[in-house]
PDB file of N, CA and C in Angstrom:
ATOM      1  N   UNK A   1      91.817  95.581  73.725  1.00  0.00           N
ATOM      2  CA  UNK A   1      91.702  94.413  74.082  1.00  0.00           C
ATOM      3  C   UNK A   1      90.593  94.081  75.512  1.00  0.00           C
ATOM      4  N   UNK A   2      89.555  93.088  74.645  1.00  0.00           N
ATOM      5  CA  UNK A   2      88.699  92.620  75.290  1.00  0.00           C
ATOM      6  C   UNK A   2      88.605  90.865  75.404  1.00  0.00           C
ATOM      7  N   UNK A   3      87.947  90.534  76.877  1.00  0.00           N
ATOM      8  CA  UNK A   3      88.155  89.224  76.508  1.00  0.00           C
ATOM      9  C   UNK A   3      86.446  88.727  77.876  1.00  0.00           C
ATOM     10  N   UNK A   4      86.008  87.845  77.167  1.00  0.00           N
ATOM     11  CA  UNK A   4      84.416  87.956  77.666  1.00  0.00           C
ATOM     12  C   UNK A   4      84.074  86.427  77.342  1.00  0.00           C
ATOM     13  N   UNK A   5      83.285  85.804  78.554  1.00  0.00           N
ATOM     14  CA  UNK A   5      82.823  84.296  78.185  1.00  0.00           C
ATOM     15  C   UNK A   5      81.377  84.300  77.860  1.00  0.00           C
ATOM     16  N   UNK A   6      81.352  83.578  76.671  1.00  0.00           N
ATOM     17  CA  UNK A   6      80.040  83.844  76.252  1.00  0.00           C
ATOM     18  C   UNK A   6      79.657  82.432  75.564  1.00  0.00           C
ATOM     19  N   UNK A   7      78.494  81.782  76.059  1.00  0.00           N
ATOM     20  CA  UNK A   7      78.065  80.949  76.573  1.00  0.00           C
ATOM     21  C   UNK A   7      78.427  79.405  76.475  1.00  0.00           C
ATOM     22  N   UNK A   8      79.669  79.697  77.780  1.00  0.00           N
ATOM     23  CA  UNK A   8      80.513  78.978  77.561  1.00  0.00           C
ATOM     24  C   UNK A   8      81.846  78.782  77.125  1.00  0.00           C
ATOM     25  N   UNK A   9      81.766  79.752  76.576  1.00  0.00           N
ATOM     26  CA  UNK A   9      83.502  79.901  75.874  1.00  0.00           C
ATOM     27  C   UNK A   9      83.958  81.073  75.991  1.00  0.00           C
ATOM     28  N   UNK A  10      85.311  80.861  76.168  1.00  0.00           N
ATOM     29  CA  UNK A  10      86.785  82.103  76.053  1.00  0.00           C
ATOM     30  C   UNK A  10      86.398  82.735  75.170  1.00  0.00           C
ATOM     31  N   UNK A  11      86.293  83.967  75.045  1.00  0.00           N
ATOM     32  CA  UNK A  11      86.333  84.588  73.433  1.00  0.00           C
ATOM     33  C   UNK A  11      87.531  85.718  73.994  1.00  0.00           C
ATOM     34  N   UNK A  12      88.528  86.122  72.978  1.00  0.00           N
ATOM     35  CA  UNK A  12      89.230  87.525  72.885  1.00  0.00           C
ATOM     36  C   UNK A  12      89.180  87.976  71.778  1.00  0.00           C
ATOM     37  N   UNK A  13      88.929  89.280  72.148  1.00  0.00           N
ATOM     38  CA  UNK A  13      89.012  90.540  70.598  1.00  0.00           C
ATOM     39  C   UNK A  13      89.918  90.774  70.914  1.00  0.00           C
ATOM     40  N   UNK A  14      90.590  90.510  69.370  1.00  0.00           N
ATOM     41  CA  UNK A  14      92.051  91.720  69.632  1.00  0.00           C
ATOM     42  C   UNK A  14      92.439  92.412  68.945  1.00  0.00           C
ATOM     43  N   UNK A  15      92.850  93.964  68.524  1.00  0.00           N
ATOM     44  CA  UNK A  15      92.975  94.332  67.350  1.00  0.00           C
ATOM     45  C   UNK A  15      93.520  94.085  66.355  1.00  0.00           C
ATOM     46  N   UNK A  16      93.127  94.059  64.912  1.00  0.00           N
ATOM     47  CA  UNK A  16      93.997  93.644  63.882  1.00  0.00           C
ATOM     48  C   UNK A  16      95.204  93.876  63.577  1.00  0.00           C
ATOM     49  N   UNK A  17      96.182  92.838  63.091  1.00  0.00           N
ATOM     50  CA  UNK A  17      97.546  92.869  63.143  1.00  0.00           C
ATOM     51  C   UNK A  17      97.933  94.013  62.532  1.00  0.00           C
ATOM     52  N   UNK A  18      96.706  94.384  61.289  1.00  0.00           N
ATOM     53  CA  UNK A  18      97.677  95.689  60.438  1.00  0.00           C
ATOM     54  C   UNK A  18      97.296  96.722  60.674  1.00  0.00           C
ATOM     55  N   UNK A  19      97.198  96.688  62.191  1.00  0.00           N
ATOM     56  CA  UNK A  19      97.166  98.367  62.375  1.00  0.00           C
ATOM     57  C   UNK A  19      95.302  99.295  62.519  1.00  0.00           C
ATOM     58  N   UNK A  20      94.242  98.355  61.670  1.00  0.00           N
ATOM     59  CA  UNK A  20      93.830  99.002  61.348  1.00  0.00           C
ATOM     60  C   UNK A  20      93.031  98.906  62.363  1.00  0.00           C
ATOM     61  N   UNK A  21      91.479  99.891  62.131  1.00  0.00           N
ATOM     62  CA  UNK A  21      90.349  99.996  63.620  1.00  0.00           C
ATOM     63  C   UNK A  21      89.537  98.820  63.954  1.00  0.00           C
ATOM     64  N   UNK A  22      89.735  97.875  62.875  1.00  0.00           N
ATOM     65  CA  UNK A  22      88.706  96.380  63.177  1.00  0.00           C
ATOM     66  C   UNK A  22      89.224  95.306  64.202  1.00  0.00           C
ATOM     67  N   UNK A  23      88.628  94.586  64.478  1.00  0.00           N
ATOM     68  CA  UNK A  23      88.584  93.829  65.463  1.00  0.00           C
ATOM     69  C   UNK A  23      88.613  91.970  64.995  1.00  0.00           C
ATOM     70  N   UNK A  24      89.924  91.397  66.013  1.00  0.00           N
ATOM     71  CA  UNK A  24      89.836  90.601  65.135  1.00  0.00           C
ATOM     72  C   UNK A  24      89.257  89.523  66.186  1.00  0.00           C
ATOM     73  N   UNK A  25      88.235  88.621  66.417  1.00  0.00           N
ATOM     74  CA  UNK A  25      87.722  87.757  67.570  1.00  0.00           C
ATOM     75  C   UNK A  25      88.255  86.115  67.591  1.00  0.00           C
ATOM     76  N   UNK A  26      88.636  85.905  68.766  1.00  0.00           N
ATOM     77  CA  UNK A  26      88.811  84.766  68.529  1.00  0.00           C
ATOM     78  C   UNK A  26      88.743  84.020  69.566  1.00  0.00           C
ATOM     79  N   UNK A  27      88.425  82.443  69.138  1.00  0.00           N
ATOM     80  CA  UNK A  27      87.616  81.403  70.419  1.00  0.00           C
ATOM     81  C   UNK A  27      89.108  80.859  71.012  1.00  0.00           C
ATOM     82  N   UNK A  28      89.568  81.353  72.000  1.00  0.00           N
ATOM     83  CA  UNK A  28      90.486  80.488  72.764  1.00  0.00           C
ATOM     84  C   UNK A  28      90.140  78.937  73.493  1.00  0.00           C
ATOM     85  N   UNK A  29      89.165  78.550  74.112  1.00  0.00           N
ATOM     86  CA  UNK A  29      88.256  77.727  74.353  1.00  0.00           C
ATOM     87  C   UNK A  29      87.323  77.651  75.120  1.00  0.00           C
ATOM     88  N   UNK A  30      86.404  76.034  74.624  1.00  0.00           N
ATOM     89  CA  UNK A  30      85.364  75.882  74.590  1.00  0.00           C
ATOM     90  C   UNK A  30      84.871  75.518  76.231  1.00  0.00           C
ATOM     91  N   UNK A  31      83.555  75.047  76.260  1.00  0.00           N
ATOM     92  CA  UNK A  31      83.364  74.672  76.994  1.00  0.00           C
ATOM     93  C   UNK A  31      83.664  75.063  78.522  1.00  0.00           C
ATOM     94  N   UNK A  32      84.213  76.109  78.843  1.00  0.00           N
ATOM     95  CA  UNK A  32      84.829  76.620  79.769  1.00  0.00           C
ATOM     96  C   UNK A  32      84.501  78.446  79.912  1.00  0.00           C
ATOM     97  N   UNK A  33      85.026  78.827  80.702  1.00  0.00           N
ATOM     98  CA  UNK A  33      84.752  80.851  80.488  1.00  0.00           C
ATOM     99  C   UNK A  33      84.086  81.320  81.614  1.00  0.00           C
ATOM    100  N   UNK A  34      84.050  81.122  83.415  1.00  0.00           N
ATOM    101  CA  UNK A  34      83.011  81.707  84.078  1.00  0.00           C
ATOM    102  C   UNK A  34      84.590  82.537  84.696  1.00  0.00           C
ATOM    103  N   UNK A  35      84.518  83.285  85.586  1.00  0.00           N
ATOM    104  CA  UNK A  35      85.254  84.291  86.280  1.00  0.00           C
ATOM    105  C   UNK A  35      86.744  84.585  85.792  1.00  0.00           C
ATOM    106  N   UNK A  36      87.108  85.362  83.959  1.00  0.00           N
ATOM    107  CA  UNK A  36      88.026  85.942  83.169  1.00  0.00           C
ATOM    108  C   UNK A  36      88.606  86.531  83.809  1.00  0.00           C
ATOM    109  N   UNK A  37      89.870  86.614  83.784  1.00  0.00           N
ATOM    110  CA  UNK A  37      90.381  87.937  84.513  1.00  0.00           C
ATOM    111  C   UNK A  37      92.209  87.702  83.520  1.00  0.00           C
ATOM    112  N   UNK A  38      92.235  88.849  82.958  1.00  0.00           N
ATOM    113  CA  UNK A  38      93.249  89.307  81.691  1.00  0.00           C
ATOM    114  C   UNK A  38      94.519  89.928  82.221  1.00  0.00           C
ATOM    115  N   UNK A  39      95.664  89.345  81.406  1.00  0.00           N
ATOM    116  CA  UNK A  39      96.596  91.082  81.514  1.00  0.00           C
ATOM    117  C   UNK A  39      97.473  90.692  80.298  1.00  0.00           C
ATOM    118  N   UNK A  40      97.964  91.772  80.033  1.00  0.00           N
ATOM    119  CA  UNK A  40      98.977  91.947  78.785  1.00  0.00           C
ATOM    120  C   UNK A  40     100.287  91.947  79.181  1.00  0.00           C
ATOM    121  N   UNK A  41     100.922  90.873  78.827  1.00  0.00           N
ATOM    122  CA  UNK A  41     102.423  91.086  78.431  1.00  0.00           C
ATOM    123  C   UNK A  41     103.199  91.954  78.078  1.00  0.00           C
ATOM    124  N   UNK A  42     104.776  91.893  77.909  1.00  0.00           N
ATOM    125  CA  UNK A  42     105.391  92.951  77.961  1.00  0.00           C
ATOM    126  C   UNK A  42     105.255  93.808  76.190  1.00  0.00           C
ATOM    127  N   UNK A  43     105.182  91.682  75.596  1.00  0.00           N
ATOM    128  CA  UNK A  43     105.147  92.118  73.838  1.00  0.00           C
ATOM    129  C   UNK A  43     103.264  92.451  73.512  1.00  0.00           C
ATOM    130  N   UNK A  44     102.617  92.892  74.520  1.00  0.00           N
ATOM    131  CA  UNK A  44     101.176  92.933  74.196  1.00  0.00           C
ATOM    132  C   UNK A  44     100.089  91.963  74.140  1.00  0.00           C
ATOM    133  N   UNK A  45     100.607  90.667  74.188  1.00  0.00           N
ATOM    134  CA  UNK A  45     100.303  89.275  74.054  1.00  0.00           C
ATOM    135  C   UNK A  45      99.387  88.815  75.372  1.00  0.00           C
ATOM    136  N   UNK A  46      97.725  88.841  75.205  1.00  0.00           N
ATOM    137  CA  UNK A  46      96.909  88.539  76.486  1.00  0.00           C
ATOM    138  C   UNK A  46      97.584  87.065  76.779  1.00  0.00           C
ATOM    139  N   UNK A  47      97.049  87.230  78.149  1.00  0.00           N
ATOM    140  CA  UNK A  47      97.237  86.199  79.008  1.00  0.00           C
ATOM    141  C   UNK A  47      95.963  85.702  79.776  1.00  0.00           C
ATOM    142  N   UNK A  48      95.329  84.561  79.953  1.00  0.00           N
ATOM    143  CA  UNK A  48      94.001  85.183  80.688  1.00  0.00           C
ATOM    144  C   UNK A  48      94.215  83.500  81.097  1.00  0.00           C
ATOM    145  N   UNK A  49      93.354  84.043  82.840  1.00  0.00           N
ATOM    146  CA  UNK A  49      92.902  82.680  83.519  1.00  0.00           C
ATOM    147  C   UNK A  49      91.407  83.081  83.945  1.00  0.00           C
ATOM    148  N   UNK A  50      91.018  81.640  84.334  1.00  0.00           N
ATOM    149  CA  UNK A  50      89.821  80.911  84.010  1.00  0.00           C
ATOM    150  C   UNK A  50      89.047  80.417  84.355  1.00  0.00           C
ATOM    151  N   UNK A  51      87.483  80.051  84.948  1.00  0.00           N
ATOM    152  CA  UNK A  51      87.272  78.994  85.183  1.00  0.00           C
ATOM    153  C   UNK A  51      86.986  78.141  84.239  1.00  0.00           C
ATOM    154  N   UNK A  52      87.299  77.039  84.738  1.00  0.00           N
ATOM    155  CA  UNK A  52      86.299  75.738  83.089  1.00  0.00           C
ATOM    156  C   UNK A  52      84.841  75.320  84.188  1.00  0.00           C
ATOM    157  N   UNK A  53      83.844  75.793  83.636  1.00  0.00           N
ATOM    158  CA  UNK A  53      82.571  75.543  84.264  1.00  0.00           C
ATOM    159  C   UNK A  53      82.426  74.353  84.307  1.00  0.00           C
ATOM    160  N   UNK A  54      82.493  73.080  83.820  1.00  0.00           N
ATOM    161  CA  UNK A  54      82.100  71.609  83.546  1.00  0.00           C
ATOM    162  C   UNK A  54      82.678  71.300  84.641  1.00  0.00           C
ATOM    163  N   UNK A  55      84.019  71.447  84.841  1.00  0.00           N
ATOM    164  CA  UNK A  55      84.986  70.932  86.025  1.00  0.00           C
ATOM    165  C   UNK A  55      85.102  71.820  87.346  1.00  0.00           C
ATOM    166  N   UNK A  56      84.645  72.858  87.109  1.00  0.00           N
ATOM    167  CA  UNK A  56      85.302  73.861  87.968  1.00  0.00           C
ATOM    168  C   UNK A  56      86.718  73.881  88.322  1.00  0.00           C
ATOM    169  N   UNK A  57      87.605  73.671  87.171  1.00  0.00           N
ATOM    170  CA  UNK A  57      88.823  73.489  87.035  1.00  0.00           C
ATOM    171  C   UNK A  57      89.469  74.950  87.236  1.00  0.00           C
ATOM    172  N   UNK A  58      90.640  75.776  87.280  1.00  0.00           N
ATOM    173  CA  UNK A  58      91.106  76.609  87.353  1.00  0.00           C
ATOM    174  C   UNK A  58      92.189  76.396  86.057  1.00  0.00           C
ATOM    175  N   UNK A  59      91.925  77.588  84.954  1.00  0.00           N
ATOM    176  CA  UNK A  59      92.458  77.138  83.328  1.00  0.00           C
ATOM    177  C   UNK A  59      93.365  78.652  83.063  1.00  0.00           C
ATOM    178  N   UNK A  60      94.604  78.242  82.782  1.00  0.00           N
ATOM    179  CA  UNK A  60      95.218  79.477  81.900  1.00  0.00           C
ATOM    180  C   UNK A  60      95.932  79.472  80.300  1.00  0.00           C
ATOM    181  N   UNK A  61      95.630  80.333  79.859  1.00  0.00           N
ATOM    182  CA  UNK A  61      95.798  80.479  78.441  1.00  0.00           C
ATOM    183  C   UNK A  61      96.684  81.389  78.329  1.00  0.00           C
ATOM    184  N   UNK A  62      97.362  81.697  77.101  1.00  0.00           N
ATOM    185  CA  UNK A  62      98.490  82.851  77.161  1.00  0.00           C
ATOM    186  C   UNK A  62      98.537  82.682  75.569  1.00  0.00           C
ATOM    187  N   UNK A  63      98.754  83.691  75.196  1.00  0.00           N
ATOM    188  CA  UNK A  63      99.029  84.020  73.628  1.00  0.00           C
ATOM    189  C   UNK A  63     100.721  84.458  73.091  1.00  0.00           C
ATOM    190  N   UNK A  64     100.981  83.645  72.401  1.00  0.00           N
ATOM    191  CA  UNK A  64     102.665  84.147  71.899  1.00  0.00           C
ATOM    192  C   UNK A  64     102.894  84.841  70.432  1.00  0.00           C
ATOM    193  N   UNK A  65     101.822  85.215  70.638  1.00  0.00           N
ATOM    194  CA  UNK A  65     102.171  85.831  69.179  1.00  0.00           C
ATOM    195  C   UNK A  65     101.329  85.371  67.735  1.00  0.00           C
ATOM    196  N   UNK A  66     101.700  84.293  67.726  1.00  0.00           N
ATOM    197  CA  UNK A  66     101.384  83.052  66.891  1.00  0.00           C
ATOM    198  C   UNK A  66     100.227  82.232  67.507  1.00  0.00           C
ATOM    199  N   UNK A  67     100.208  81.420  68.290  1.00  0.00           N
ATOM    200  CA  UNK A  67      99.433  80.556  68.889  1.00  0.00           C
ATOM    201  C   UNK A  67      98.997  80.646  70.038  1.00  0.00           C
ATOM    202  N   UNK A  68      97.761  79.833  70.903  1.00  0.00           N
ATOM    203  CA  UNK A  68      97.269  79.608  72.017  1.00  0.00           C
ATOM    204  C   UNK A  68      97.731  78.660  72.612  1.00  0.00           C
ATOM    205  N   UNK A  69      98.474  79.147  74.105  1.00  0.00           N
ATOM    206  CA  UNK A  69      98.959  77.460  74.962  1.00  0.00           C
ATOM    207  C   UNK A  69      97.613  77.539  75.878  1.00  0.00           C
ATOM    208  N   UNK A  70      97.057  76.789  76.384  1.00  0.00           N
ATOM    209  CA  UNK A  70      96.376  75.925  77.359  1.00  0.00           C
ATOM    210  C   UNK A  70      96.863  75.318  78.586  1.00  0.00           C
ATOM    211  N   UNK A  71      96.863  75.287  79.290  1.00  0.00           N
ATOM    212  CA  UNK A  71      96.997  74.631  80.753  1.00  0.00           C
ATOM    213  C   UNK A  71      95.976  74.776  81.834  1.00  0.00           C
ATOM    214  N   UNK A  72      95.691  73.723  82.814  1.00  0.00           N
ATOM    215  CA  UNK A  72      94.931  73.280  83.303  1.00  0.00           C
ATOM    216  C   UNK A  72      96.665  73.457  84.942  1.00  0.00           C
ATOM    217  N   UNK A  73      95.832  74.605  85.828  1.00  0.00           N
ATOM    218  CA  UNK A  73      96.016  75.150  87.051  1.00  0.00           C
ATOM    219  C   UNK A  73      95.979  74.468  88.144  1.00  0.00           C
ATOM    220  N   UNK A  74      94.689  74.420  87.877  1.00  0.00           N
ATOM    221  CA  UNK A  74      94.082  73.814  89.907  1.00  0.00           C
ATOM    222  C   UNK A  74      92.390  72.722  89.567  1.00  0.00           C
ATOM    223  N   UNK A  75      92.908  71.297  89.692  1.00  0.00           N
ATOM    224  CA  UNK A  75      91.969  71.214  89.329  1.00  0.00           C
ATOM    225  C   UNK A  75      91.502  69.872  90.498  1.00  0.00           C
ATOM    226  N   UNK A  76      91.936  70.573  91.426  1.00  0.00           N
ATOM    227  CA  UNK A  76      91.101  69.343  92.851  1.00  0.00           C
ATOM    228  C   UNK A  76      90.312  70.148  93.292  1.00  0.00           C
ATOM    229  N   UNK A  77      89.226  69.425  93.269  1.00  0.00           N
ATOM    230  CA  UNK A  77      87.935  70.182  94.086  1.00  0.00           C
ATOM    231  C   UNK A  77      87.387  71.007  93.169  1.00  0.00           C
ATOM    232  N   UNK A  78      86.642  72.109  94.165  1.00  0.00           N
ATOM    233  CA  UNK A  78      85.979  72.708  93.153  1.00  0.00           C
ATOM    234  C   UNK A  78      86.520  74.049  93.957  1.00  0.00           C
ATOM    235  N   UNK A  79      87.147  74.801  92.433  1.00  0.00           N
ATOM    236  CA  UNK A  79      87.681  75.916  92.233  1.00  0.00           C
ATOM    237  C   UNK A  79      87.686  76.954  91.574  1.00  0.00           C
ATOM    238  N   UNK A  80      88.441  78.458  91.625  1.00  0.00           N
ATOM    239  CA  UNK A  80      88.610  79.003  90.145  1.00  0.00           C
ATOM    240  C   UNK A  80      87.569  79.737  90.465  1.00  0.00           C
ATOM    241  N   UNK A  81      87.071  80.240  91.455  1.00  0.00           N
ATOM    242  CA  UNK A  81      86.000  80.895  91.637  1.00  0.00           C
ATOM    243  C   UNK A  81      86.768  82.620  91.877  1.00  0.00           C
ATOM    244  N   UNK A  82      86.372  83.967  91.670  1.00  0.00           N
ATOM    245  CA  UNK A  82      86.849  85.370  91.313  1.00  0.00           C
ATOM    246  C   UNK A  82      88.326  85.081  91.409  1.00  0.00           C
ATOM    247  N   UNK A  83      87.949  84.886  89.910  1.00  0.00           N
ATOM    248  CA  UNK A  83      89.568  84.829  89.509  1.00  0.00           C
ATOM    249  C   UNK A  83      90.084  86.062  89.121  1.00  0.00           C
ATOM    250  N   UNK A  84      92.189  86.142  89.253  1.00  0.00           N
ATOM    251  CA  UNK A  84      92.382  87.531  89.418  1.00  0.00           C
ATOM    252  C   UNK A  84      93.982  86.687  89.283  1.00  0.00           C
ATOM    253  N   UNK A  85      94.122  87.367  87.985  1.00  0.00           N
ATOM    254  CA  UNK A  85      95.528  87.236  87.061  1.00  0.00           C
ATOM    255  C   UNK A  85      96.500  88.708  86.894  1.00  0.00           C
ATOM    256  N   UNK A  86      98.163  88.480  87.058  1.00  0.00           N
ATOM    257  CA  UNK A  86      99.063  89.585  87.415  1.00  0.00           C
ATOM    258  C   UNK A  86      99.679  89.011  86.709  1.00  0.00           C
ATOM    259  N   UNK A  87     100.817  89.585  85.623  1.00  0.00           N
ATOM    260  CA  UNK A  87     102.314  88.934  85.136  1.00  0.00           C
ATOM    261  C   UNK A  87     103.064  89.615  86.069  1.00  0.00           C
ATOM    262  N   UNK A  88     103.906  89.309  86.659  1.00  0.00           N
ATOM    263  CA  UNK A  88     105.248  90.382  87.214  1.00  0.00           C
ATOM    264  C   UNK A  88     106.441  90.647  85.967  1.00  0.00           C
ATOM    265  N   UNK A  89     107.145  91.436  86.561  1.00  0.00           N
ATOM    266  CA  UNK A  89     108.278  92.351  85.276  1.00  0.00           C
ATOM    267  C   UNK A  89     109.158  91.009  84.611  1.00  0.00           C
ATOM    268  N   UNK A  90     108.647  89.381  84.886  1.00  0.00           N
ATOM    269  CA  UNK A  90     109.107  88.751  84.085  1.00  0.00           C
ATOM    270  C   UNK A  90     108.365  88.176  82.893  1.00  0.00           C
ATOM    271  N   UNK A  91     106.816  88.393  83.189  1.00  0.00           N
ATOM    272  CA  UNK A  91     106.347  87.993  82.468  1.00  0.00           C
ATOM    273  C   UNK A  91     105.605  86.677  82.850  1.00  0.00           C
ATOM    274  N   UNK A  92     105.897  86.366  83.916  1.00  0.00           N
ATOM    275  CA  UNK A  92     105.132  85.047  84.907  1.00  0.00           C
ATOM    276  C   UNK A  92     103.742  85.715  85.550  1.00  0.00           C
ATOM    277  N   UNK A  93     102.901  84.535  85.236  1.00  0.00           N
ATOM    278  CA  UNK A  93     101.529  84.866  85.976  1.00  0.00           C
ATOM    279  C   UNK A  93     101.754  84.146  87.122  1.00  0.00           C
ATOM    280  N   UNK A  94     100.876  84.890  87.700  1.00  0.00           N
ATOM    281  CA  UNK A  94     100.329  84.919  89.607  1.00  0.00           C
ATOM    282  C   UNK A  94      98.934  85.020  89.129  1.00  0.00           C
ATOM    283  N   UNK A  95      98.538  84.194  89.638  1.00  0.00           N
ATOM    284  CA  UNK A  95      96.718  83.874  89.639  1.00  0.00           C
ATOM    285  C   UNK A  95      96.003  84.025  91.534  1.00  0.00           C
ATOM    286  N   UNK A  96      95.565  84.547  91.782  1.00  0.00           N
ATOM    287  CA  UNK A  96      94.639  85.046  92.703  1.00  0.00           C
ATOM    288  C   UNK A  96      93.124  84.059  92.811  1.00  0.00           C
ATOM    289  N   UNK A  97      92.802  82.993  93.438  1.00  0.00           N
ATOM    290  CA  UNK A  97      91.589  82.511  93.181  1.00  0.00           C
ATOM    291  C   UNK A  97      90.944  81.676  94.508  1.00  0.00           C
ATOM    292  N   UNK A  98      89.647  81.852  94.877  1.00  0.00           N
ATOM    293  CA  UNK A  98      88.995  81.329  95.876  1.00  0.00           C
ATOM    294  C   UNK A  98      88.654  79.810  96.015  1.00  0.00           C
ATOM    295  N   UNK A  99      89.122  79.337  96.397  1.00  0.00           N
ATOM    296  CA  UNK A  99      88.776  77.552  96.182  1.00  0.00           C
ATOM    297  C   UNK A  99      87.883  77.123  97.039  1.00  0.00           C
TER     298      UNK A  99
END
């Protein structure tokens, strides 16, 4: 699995659900995508923390196996540099970043 910031988009590459050796690319969010950090939960679902370049906000996206859920974590001031994401044993996100 890979995550990348490509021309202001957050893009994730997931192994194909059929188990084949091809990749499936999904656009998670647009107009954003700096300083991305990826973690996988116990079910193998990706979670991504990243900076919204336009608003300098800290964003969080998680995939539940069916769809993506996006939320703004911090939008006060110029935040979200050097983002680092970890999931605890219960799958809860912990995000460190420079404010």
